[in-house]
Amino acid sequence: MVTHQMKLSTEPFEKIVSGKKIIESRLYDEKRQKIAIGDRIEFTRSDDPNKKILTEVIALYRSTSFNDLFSNFPPSHFGGTSKDDLLKEIEIFYSKEDQQISGVIGIRIEVLK
C-alpha cells in the first residue's frame, strides 16, 4: 500500500470531507498510473496546507475523456450537479488535447476516519 499526495482547491476538498464527492477525476498521467486499489491518497487543501484528509482508493475507472467518464456516473459522484458543469470545471485544468494524449481516470475514494 502506498500513500499518494494530491492537492485540491477549497470547494472539491470540502466536498470530499462532507461525503458529497466520492470520485476524484484526473488525467491518467505518470503520477496517476502509479495508483492502485487499496492505496491511500492524502488530499491537501491548496490554500491551507494544514488541512488534509486521508482517503482509500476503492475503485479506478479508466476512460478516454472526461466526457466519457462523466457519462458513466451521476454528476453527484464527482461533487457536481450536471455533466455540463463538470466538463466546464475540468477543462479549466485539463485541455482536450491532454485528455487525448493521456486518457483520464476516475478515482473512487472512501474517507478514512
N, C-alpha and C. Protein backbone atom coordinates (compact mmCIF):
# COMPACT_ATOMS: atom_id res chain seq x y z
N MET A 1 0.85 -1.19 0.00
CA MET A 1 0.00 0.00 0.00
C MET A 1 0.88 1.24 0.00
N VAL A 2 0.53 2.18 -0.84
CA VAL A 2 1.26 3.43 -0.99
C VAL A 2 0.32 4.59 -0.64
N THR A 3 0.86 5.64 -0.03
CA THR A 3 0.08 6.85 0.20
C THR A 3 0.54 7.91 -0.79
N HIS A 4 -0.37 8.36 -1.63
CA HIS A 4 -0.10 9.38 -2.65
C HIS A 4 -0.53 10.73 -2.10
N GLN A 5 0.09 11.79 -2.59
CA GLN A 5 -0.24 13.16 -2.18
C GLN A 5 -0.89 13.88 -3.36
N MET A 6 -2.00 14.57 -3.12
CA MET A 6 -2.64 15.38 -4.15
C MET A 6 -3.17 16.65 -3.52
N LYS A 7 -3.16 17.72 -4.29
CA LYS A 7 -3.71 19.00 -3.84
C LYS A 7 -5.07 19.22 -4.47
N LEU A 8 -5.93 19.90 -3.72
CA LEU A 8 -7.26 20.25 -4.21
C LEU A 8 -7.59 21.68 -3.79
N SER A 9 -8.36 22.37 -4.62
CA SER A 9 -8.85 23.68 -4.22
C SER A 9 -9.93 23.48 -3.15
N THR A 10 -10.33 24.57 -2.52
CA THR A 10 -11.21 24.50 -1.35
C THR A 10 -12.51 23.75 -1.61
N GLU A 11 -13.22 24.10 -2.68
CA GLU A 11 -14.55 23.51 -2.90
C GLU A 11 -14.52 21.99 -3.06
N PRO A 12 -13.69 21.44 -3.97
CA PRO A 12 -13.67 19.97 -4.06
C PRO A 12 -13.14 19.30 -2.79
N PHE A 13 -12.20 19.94 -2.11
CA PHE A 13 -11.69 19.39 -0.86
C PHE A 13 -12.83 19.24 0.15
N GLU A 14 -13.60 20.31 0.33
CA GLU A 14 -14.70 20.29 1.30
C GLU A 14 -15.79 19.30 0.89
N LYS A 15 -15.99 19.09 -0.41
CA LYS A 15 -16.98 18.11 -0.86
C LYS A 15 -16.53 16.69 -0.51
N ILE A 16 -15.24 16.42 -0.56
CA ILE A 16 -14.74 15.10 -0.14
C ILE A 16 -14.93 14.94 1.36
N VAL A 17 -14.57 15.97 2.13
CA VAL A 17 -14.72 15.93 3.59
C VAL A 17 -16.16 15.64 3.98
N SER A 18 -17.12 16.27 3.29
CA SER A 18 -18.54 16.13 3.64
C SER A 18 -19.19 14.89 3.03
N GLY A 19 -18.45 14.16 2.18
CA GLY A 19 -19.00 12.97 1.55
C GLY A 19 -19.81 13.25 0.29
N LYS A 20 -19.80 14.50 -0.18
CA LYS A 20 -20.56 14.86 -1.37
C LYS A 20 -19.81 14.55 -2.66
N LYS A 21 -18.54 14.20 -2.55
CA LYS A 21 -17.73 13.85 -3.72
C LYS A 21 -17.02 12.54 -3.41
N ILE A 22 -17.30 11.50 -4.23
CA ILE A 22 -16.70 10.19 -3.97
C ILE A 22 -15.80 9.72 -5.10
N ILE A 23 -15.77 10.47 -6.21
CA ILE A 23 -14.86 10.15 -7.32
C ILE A 23 -14.06 11.40 -7.66
N GLU A 24 -12.74 11.28 -7.57
CA GLU A 24 -11.83 12.36 -7.98
C GLU A 24 -11.42 12.08 -9.42
N SER A 25 -11.51 13.07 -10.29
CA SER A 25 -11.17 12.88 -11.71
C SER A 25 -9.88 13.60 -12.04
N ARG A 26 -8.98 12.89 -12.70
CA ARG A 26 -7.67 13.43 -13.07
C ARG A 26 -7.25 12.89 -14.43
N LEU A 27 -6.24 13.54 -15.02
CA LEU A 27 -5.59 12.97 -16.20
C LEU A 27 -4.91 11.68 -15.77
N TYR A 28 -4.86 10.72 -16.67
CA TYR A 28 -4.16 9.47 -16.36
C TYR A 28 -2.69 9.64 -16.74
N ASP A 29 -2.04 10.55 -16.04
CA ASP A 29 -0.64 10.86 -16.31
C ASP A 29 0.27 9.89 -15.54
N GLU A 30 1.56 10.14 -15.62
CA GLU A 30 2.53 9.23 -15.00
C GLU A 30 2.28 9.07 -13.50
N LYS A 31 1.96 10.15 -12.82
CA LYS A 31 1.71 10.10 -11.37
C LYS A 31 0.48 9.24 -11.05
N ARG A 32 -0.60 9.41 -11.82
CA ARG A 32 -1.84 8.67 -11.56
C ARG A 32 -1.74 7.20 -11.97
N GLN A 33 -0.84 6.88 -12.89
CA GLN A 33 -0.67 5.48 -13.31
C GLN A 33 -0.11 4.62 -12.18
N LYS A 34 0.44 5.25 -11.16
CA LYS A 34 1.01 4.51 -10.03
C LYS A 34 -0.02 4.18 -8.96
N ILE A 35 -1.23 4.71 -9.10
CA ILE A 35 -2.27 4.49 -8.09
C ILE A 35 -2.93 3.13 -8.29
N ALA A 36 -3.10 2.41 -7.19
CA ALA A 36 -3.74 1.09 -7.23
C ALA A 36 -4.87 1.04 -6.19
N ILE A 37 -5.81 0.15 -6.43
CA ILE A 37 -6.88 -0.07 -5.45
C ILE A 37 -6.24 -0.50 -4.14
N GLY A 38 -6.70 0.06 -3.04
CA GLY A 38 -6.13 -0.22 -1.73
C GLY A 38 -5.10 0.81 -1.29
N ASP A 39 -4.57 1.59 -2.24
CA ASP A 39 -3.66 2.67 -1.88
C ASP A 39 -4.44 3.77 -1.15
N ARG A 40 -3.69 4.66 -0.56
CA ARG A 40 -4.30 5.81 0.10
C ARG A 40 -3.90 7.09 -0.63
N ILE A 41 -4.77 8.07 -0.57
CA ILE A 41 -4.47 9.40 -1.10
C ILE A 41 -4.71 10.40 0.02
N GLU A 42 -3.68 11.19 0.29
CA GLU A 42 -3.84 12.28 1.23
C GLU A 42 -4.04 13.56 0.42
N PHE A 43 -5.23 14.12 0.52
CA PHE A 43 -5.54 15.37 -0.16
C PHE A 43 -5.20 16.53 0.76
N THR A 44 -4.56 17.54 0.20
CA THR A 44 -4.22 18.76 0.92
C THR A 44 -4.95 19.92 0.27
N ARG A 45 -5.54 20.76 1.08
CA ARG A 45 -6.22 21.93 0.54
C ARG A 45 -5.17 22.93 0.09
N SER A 46 -5.21 23.31 -1.18
CA SER A 46 -4.14 24.12 -1.77
C SER A 46 -3.98 25.49 -1.11
N ASP A 47 -5.06 26.06 -0.59
CA ASP A 47 -4.96 27.38 0.05
C ASP A 47 -4.65 27.30 1.54
N ASP A 48 -4.66 26.09 2.10
CA ASP A 48 -4.36 25.90 3.52
C ASP A 48 -3.71 24.53 3.70
N PRO A 49 -2.39 24.44 3.51
CA PRO A 49 -1.69 23.15 3.54
C PRO A 49 -1.81 22.39 4.86
N ASN A 50 -2.30 23.04 5.91
CA ASN A 50 -2.52 22.33 7.17
C ASN A 50 -3.79 21.49 7.15
N LYS A 51 -4.67 21.76 6.19
CA LYS A 51 -5.91 20.99 6.07
C LYS A 51 -5.67 19.81 5.15
N LYS A 52 -5.82 18.61 5.71
CA LYS A 52 -5.57 17.38 4.96
C LYS A 52 -6.69 16.39 5.26
N ILE A 53 -6.90 15.48 4.31
CA ILE A 53 -7.84 14.38 4.56
C ILE A 53 -7.27 13.13 3.91
N LEU A 54 -7.34 12.03 4.64
CA LEU A 54 -6.80 10.76 4.17
C LEU A 54 -7.94 9.90 3.62
N THR A 55 -7.74 9.37 2.42
CA THR A 55 -8.75 8.54 1.78
C THR A 55 -8.13 7.23 1.31
N GLU A 56 -8.98 6.25 1.06
CA GLU A 56 -8.53 4.98 0.48
C GLU A 56 -9.14 4.83 -0.91
N VAL A 57 -8.34 4.34 -1.84
CA VAL A 57 -8.80 4.10 -3.21
C VAL A 57 -9.57 2.78 -3.22
N ILE A 58 -10.85 2.83 -3.60
CA ILE A 58 -11.65 1.60 -3.62
C ILE A 58 -12.01 1.15 -5.03
N ALA A 59 -11.80 2.01 -6.03
CA ALA A 59 -12.02 1.61 -7.43
C ALA A 59 -11.33 2.63 -8.33
N LEU A 60 -10.99 2.17 -9.53
CA LEU A 60 -10.38 3.03 -10.55
C LEU A 60 -11.15 2.86 -11.85
N TYR A 61 -11.48 3.97 -12.50
CA TYR A 61 -12.26 3.94 -13.73
C TYR A 61 -11.50 4.67 -14.83
N ARG A 62 -10.91 3.91 -15.74
CA ARG A 62 -10.17 4.49 -16.87
C ARG A 62 -11.15 4.89 -17.97
N SER A 63 -10.82 5.98 -18.65
CA SER A 63 -11.66 6.44 -19.75
C SER A 63 -10.82 7.25 -20.72
N THR A 64 -11.35 7.45 -21.93
CA THR A 64 -10.60 8.20 -22.94
C THR A 64 -10.75 9.71 -22.77
N SER A 65 -11.84 10.14 -22.12
CA SER A 65 -12.08 11.58 -21.93
C SER A 65 -12.95 11.79 -20.70
N PHE A 66 -12.93 13.02 -20.20
CA PHE A 66 -13.81 13.34 -19.07
C PHE A 66 -15.27 13.27 -19.49
N ASN A 67 -15.57 13.60 -20.74
CA ASN A 67 -16.94 13.48 -21.23
C ASN A 67 -17.44 12.04 -21.07
N ASP A 68 -16.61 11.08 -21.48
CA ASP A 68 -16.98 9.67 -21.34
C ASP A 68 -17.09 9.27 -19.87
N LEU A 69 -16.11 9.67 -19.07
CA LEU A 69 -16.12 9.33 -17.65
C LEU A 69 -17.37 9.87 -16.96
N PHE A 70 -17.68 11.14 -17.21
CA PHE A 70 -18.84 11.76 -16.57
C PHE A 70 -20.16 11.19 -17.07
N SER A 71 -20.16 10.52 -18.22
CA SER A 71 -21.37 9.91 -18.75
C SER A 71 -21.72 8.61 -18.04
N ASN A 72 -20.75 8.02 -17.33
CA ASN A 72 -20.94 6.71 -16.72
C ASN A 72 -21.42 6.74 -15.27
N PHE A 73 -21.48 7.93 -14.67
CA PHE A 73 -21.86 8.05 -13.26
C PHE A 73 -22.71 9.29 -13.06
N PRO A 74 -23.51 9.32 -12.00
CA PRO A 74 -24.27 10.55 -11.71
C PRO A 74 -23.30 11.69 -11.41
N PRO A 75 -23.63 12.92 -11.81
CA PRO A 75 -22.74 14.07 -11.54
C PRO A 75 -22.42 14.22 -10.05
N SER A 76 -23.35 13.81 -9.20
CA SER A 76 -23.14 13.96 -7.75
C SER A 76 -21.94 13.15 -7.25
N HIS A 77 -21.59 12.05 -7.94
CA HIS A 77 -20.42 11.27 -7.53
C HIS A 77 -19.14 12.09 -7.64
N PHE A 78 -19.13 13.08 -8.54
CA PHE A 78 -17.98 13.95 -8.75
C PHE A 78 -18.13 15.28 -7.99
N GLY A 79 -19.20 15.39 -7.20
CA GLY A 79 -19.45 16.61 -6.45
C GLY A 79 -20.12 17.69 -7.27
N GLY A 80 -20.74 17.30 -8.39
CA GLY A 80 -21.36 18.28 -9.28
C GLY A 80 -22.86 18.11 -9.37
N THR A 81 -23.49 19.02 -10.12
CA THR A 81 -24.94 18.95 -10.31
C THR A 81 -25.32 18.60 -11.74
N SER A 82 -24.39 18.81 -12.70
CA SER A 82 -24.68 18.44 -14.08
C SER A 82 -23.37 18.08 -14.79
N LYS A 83 -23.50 17.22 -15.79
CA LYS A 83 -22.33 16.83 -16.58
C LYS A 83 -21.71 18.04 -17.26
N ASP A 84 -22.53 18.93 -17.80
CA ASP A 84 -22.01 20.13 -18.48
C ASP A 84 -21.18 21.00 -17.53
N ASP A 85 -21.67 21.19 -16.31
CA ASP A 85 -20.92 21.98 -15.33
C ASP A 85 -19.60 21.30 -14.97
N LEU A 86 -19.62 19.98 -14.82
CA LEU A 86 -18.39 19.25 -14.53
C LEU A 86 -17.37 19.43 -15.65
N LEU A 87 -17.83 19.33 -16.89
CA LEU A 87 -16.92 19.49 -18.03
C LEU A 87 -16.32 20.89 -18.08
N LYS A 88 -17.14 21.91 -17.81
CA LYS A 88 -16.63 23.28 -17.81
C LYS A 88 -15.55 23.45 -16.74
N GLU A 89 -15.79 22.89 -15.56
CA GLU A 89 -14.82 22.99 -14.47
C GLU A 89 -13.52 22.27 -14.79
N ILE A 90 -13.62 21.05 -15.29
CA ILE A 90 -12.41 20.23 -15.50
C ILE A 90 -11.57 20.76 -16.65
N GLU A 91 -12.22 21.35 -17.65
CA GLU A 91 -11.47 21.84 -18.81
C GLU A 91 -10.70 23.13 -18.51
N ILE A 92 -10.93 23.71 -17.34
CA ILE A 92 -10.07 24.81 -16.87
C ILE A 92 -8.67 24.26 -16.59
N PHE A 93 -8.62 23.03 -16.09
CA PHE A 93 -7.36 22.41 -15.68
C PHE A 93 -6.73 21.54 -16.77
N TYR A 94 -7.57 20.83 -17.54
CA TYR A 94 -7.06 19.85 -18.50
C TYR A 94 -7.66 20.08 -19.88
N SER A 95 -6.80 20.28 -20.88
CA SER A 95 -7.27 20.50 -22.25
C SER A 95 -7.74 19.19 -22.88
N LYS A 96 -8.52 19.31 -23.94
CA LYS A 96 -8.96 18.12 -24.68
C LYS A 96 -7.76 17.40 -25.27
N GLU A 97 -6.74 18.16 -25.66
CA GLU A 97 -5.52 17.54 -26.21
C GLU A 97 -4.83 16.68 -25.16
N ASP A 98 -4.72 17.20 -23.93
CA ASP A 98 -4.12 16.42 -22.85
C ASP A 98 -4.93 15.15 -22.58
N GLN A 99 -6.25 15.26 -22.64
CA GLN A 99 -7.11 14.10 -22.42
C GLN A 99 -6.85 13.04 -23.49
N GLN A 100 -6.69 13.48 -24.75
CA GLN A 100 -6.44 12.52 -25.84
C GLN A 100 -5.09 11.84 -25.67
N ILE A 101 -4.09 12.57 -25.21
CA ILE A 101 -2.75 12.01 -25.06
C ILE A 101 -2.69 11.01 -23.90
N SER A 102 -3.22 11.40 -22.74
CA SER A 102 -3.06 10.60 -21.53
C SER A 102 -4.25 9.72 -21.19
N GLY A 103 -5.44 10.09 -21.65
CA GLY A 103 -6.64 9.46 -21.13
C GLY A 103 -6.93 10.06 -19.75
N VAL A 104 -7.99 9.60 -19.12
CA VAL A 104 -8.38 10.13 -17.82
C VAL A 104 -8.69 8.98 -16.88
N ILE A 105 -8.78 9.31 -15.60
CA ILE A 105 -9.12 8.29 -14.61
C ILE A 105 -10.05 8.89 -13.56
N GLY A 106 -11.02 8.09 -13.17
CA GLY A 106 -11.86 8.43 -12.03
C GLY A 106 -11.37 7.58 -10.87
N ILE A 107 -11.08 8.22 -9.76
CA ILE A 107 -10.55 7.53 -8.59
C ILE A 107 -11.63 7.53 -7.52
N ARG A 108 -12.23 6.35 -7.29
CA ARG A 108 -13.28 6.26 -6.27
C ARG A 108 -12.61 6.15 -4.91
N ILE A 109 -13.00 7.04 -4.03
CA ILE A 109 -12.34 7.11 -2.73
C ILE A 109 -13.33 6.97 -1.59
N GLU A 110 -12.79 6.58 -0.46
CA GLU A 110 -13.55 6.49 0.77
C GLU A 110 -12.73 7.21 1.84
N VAL A 111 -13.35 8.12 2.55
CA VAL A 111 -12.65 8.86 3.59
C VAL A 111 -12.35 7.93 4.76
N LEU A 112 -11.11 7.99 5.24
CA LEU A 112 -10.71 7.21 6.41
C LEU A 112 -10.87 8.09 7.65
N LYS A 113 -11.41 7.53 8.68
CA LYS A 113 -11.65 8.31 9.91
C LYS A 113 -10.39 8.42 10.73
